[in-house]
């Protein structure tokens, strides 16, 4: 288990995500305002931009306003946007997990449960 530090500002998110990837990612460049798969994976602390990277991305951007979150999504490379749309985690309230949740889909449960 690890601590997830949420992005507080749009600039902070850009600095964290546009990071040039790891040393062996020769084609990823920092500061180009395009976040590719290697950069997203490095920001998430994983080795490939898959479900875990998208889960980290979604959780770290939860505190940002929707318009800023949409802007961050536009920084993703075209190939990465397609993968993100297909594999993005669902965000559900505890009360809707049973009716809307799927066993085969990554889901973030956000909110407080109400016990009846």
Protein backbone atom coordinates (compact mmCIF):
# COMPACT_ATOMS: atom_id res chain seq x y z
CA UNK A 1 0.00 0.00 0.00
CA UNK A 2 1.30 3.48 -0.81
CA UNK A 3 0.20 7.04 -0.13
CA UNK A 4 -1.45 8.82 -3.03
CA UNK A 5 -0.67 12.52 -3.17
CA UNK A 6 -3.39 14.39 -5.02
CA UNK A 7 -2.58 17.10 -7.52
CA UNK A 8 -3.59 20.46 -6.04
CA UNK A 9 -3.04 22.65 -9.10
CA UNK A 10 -3.03 22.30 -12.86
CA UNK A 11 0.65 23.34 -13.03
CA UNK A 12 1.60 20.78 -10.39
CA UNK A 13 -0.13 18.05 -12.37
CA UNK A 14 1.67 19.08 -15.56
CA UNK A 15 5.05 19.06 -13.82
CA UNK A 16 4.41 15.61 -12.35
CA UNK A 17 3.03 14.07 -15.54
CA UNK A 18 5.27 15.64 -18.22
CA UNK A 19 8.36 14.02 -16.72
CA UNK A 20 10.28 12.40 -19.66
CA UNK A 21 9.69 8.86 -18.39
CA UNK A 22 12.49 6.64 -17.16
CA UNK A 23 16.04 6.83 -18.48
CA UNK A 24 15.44 4.11 -21.08
CA UNK A 25 12.42 5.88 -22.63
CA UNK A 26 14.39 7.58 -25.39
CA UNK A 27 11.50 9.28 -27.17
CA UNK A 28 9.67 10.79 -24.18
CA UNK A 29 10.58 14.43 -23.56
CA UNK A 30 9.77 16.53 -20.53
CA UNK A 31 8.30 20.00 -20.99
CA UNK A 32 6.66 19.29 -24.35
CA UNK A 33 3.08 19.48 -22.93
CA UNK A 34 2.34 15.96 -24.19
CA UNK A 35 2.07 13.11 -21.70
CA UNK A 36 2.86 9.78 -23.30
CA UNK A 37 2.62 6.24 -21.94
CA UNK A 38 6.11 6.18 -20.41
CA UNK A 39 5.54 9.47 -18.57
CA UNK A 40 2.17 8.40 -17.18
CA UNK A 41 3.66 5.09 -16.03
CA UNK A 42 6.54 6.85 -14.27
CA UNK A 43 4.16 9.26 -12.50
CA UNK A 44 2.10 6.27 -11.32
CA UNK A 45 5.15 4.30 -10.19
CA UNK A 46 4.51 1.39 -12.54
CA UNK A 47 6.35 0.14 -15.63
CA UNK A 48 3.60 0.29 -18.25
CA UNK A 49 0.65 2.59 -18.82
CA UNK A 50 -2.20 0.22 -18.17
CA UNK A 51 -4.99 -0.15 -15.66
CA UNK A 52 -2.77 0.68 -12.65
CA UNK A 53 -1.48 3.87 -14.25
CA UNK A 54 -4.99 4.99 -15.18
CA UNK A 55 -6.21 4.22 -11.65
CA UNK A 56 -3.42 6.37 -10.18
CA UNK A 57 -4.12 9.15 -12.70
CA UNK A 58 -7.83 9.15 -11.89
CA UNK A 59 -7.26 9.14 -8.12
CA UNK A 60 -4.60 11.88 -8.18
CA UNK A 61 -6.82 14.21 -10.21
CA UNK A 62 -9.98 13.73 -8.13
CA UNK A 63 -9.58 17.01 -6.20
CA UNK A 64 -9.21 19.16 -9.30
CA UNK A 65 -12.23 20.97 -10.77
CA UNK A 66 -13.79 19.18 -13.78
CA UNK A 67 -12.56 21.76 -16.31
CA UNK A 68 -8.96 21.38 -15.09
CA UNK A 69 -9.27 17.60 -15.14
CA UNK A 70 -10.51 17.81 -18.75
CA UNK A 71 -7.54 20.00 -19.65
CA UNK A 72 -5.11 17.49 -18.15
CA UNK A 73 -6.74 14.77 -20.24
CA UNK A 74 -6.04 16.80 -23.40
CA UNK A 75 -2.30 16.58 -22.60
CA UNK A 76 -2.36 12.82 -23.11
CA UNK A 77 -0.94 11.60 -26.40
CA UNK A 78 -3.55 10.43 -28.96
CA UNK A 79 -2.68 6.73 -28.43
CA UNK A 80 -2.87 7.16 -24.66
CA UNK A 81 -6.24 8.94 -24.80
CA UNK A 82 -7.74 5.96 -26.65
CA UNK A 83 -6.39 3.53 -24.04
CA UNK A 84 -7.52 5.81 -21.20
CA UNK A 85 -11.09 6.03 -22.52
CA UNK A 86 -11.26 2.25 -22.86
CA UNK A 87 -9.70 1.43 -19.49
CA UNK A 88 -10.61 4.41 -17.30
CA UNK A 89 -11.86 3.46 -13.84
CA UNK A 90 -15.47 4.06 -12.91
CA UNK A 91 -16.08 6.41 -9.96
CA UNK A 92 -19.09 5.35 -7.92
CA UNK A 93 -20.70 6.27 -4.63
CA UNK A 94 -20.96 3.44 -2.06
CA UNK A 95 -24.74 3.33 -2.51
CA UNK A 96 -24.48 2.64 -6.24
CA UNK A 97 -21.74 -0.02 -6.24
CA UNK A 98 -24.17 -2.92 -6.07
CA UNK A 99 -26.37 -1.71 -8.92
CA UNK A 100 -23.75 -0.11 -11.21
CA UNK A 101 -20.49 -1.87 -10.33
CA UNK A 102 -18.97 -4.57 -12.49
CA UNK A 103 -16.64 -7.33 -11.34
CA UNK A 104 -14.38 -6.96 -14.37
CA UNK A 105 -14.01 -3.14 -14.23
CA UNK A 106 -11.66 -1.13 -12.03
CA UNK A 107 -13.75 1.06 -9.76
CA UNK A 108 -13.05 3.88 -7.35
CA UNK A 109 -15.60 4.04 -4.54
CA UNK A 110 -15.78 7.62 -3.31
CA UNK A 111 -17.94 8.92 -0.49
CA UNK A 112 -19.29 7.76 2.83
CA UNK A 113 -21.34 4.63 3.31
CA UNK A 114 -24.71 4.98 4.99
CA UNK A 115 -25.62 1.96 7.08
CA UNK A 116 -29.28 1.08 7.27
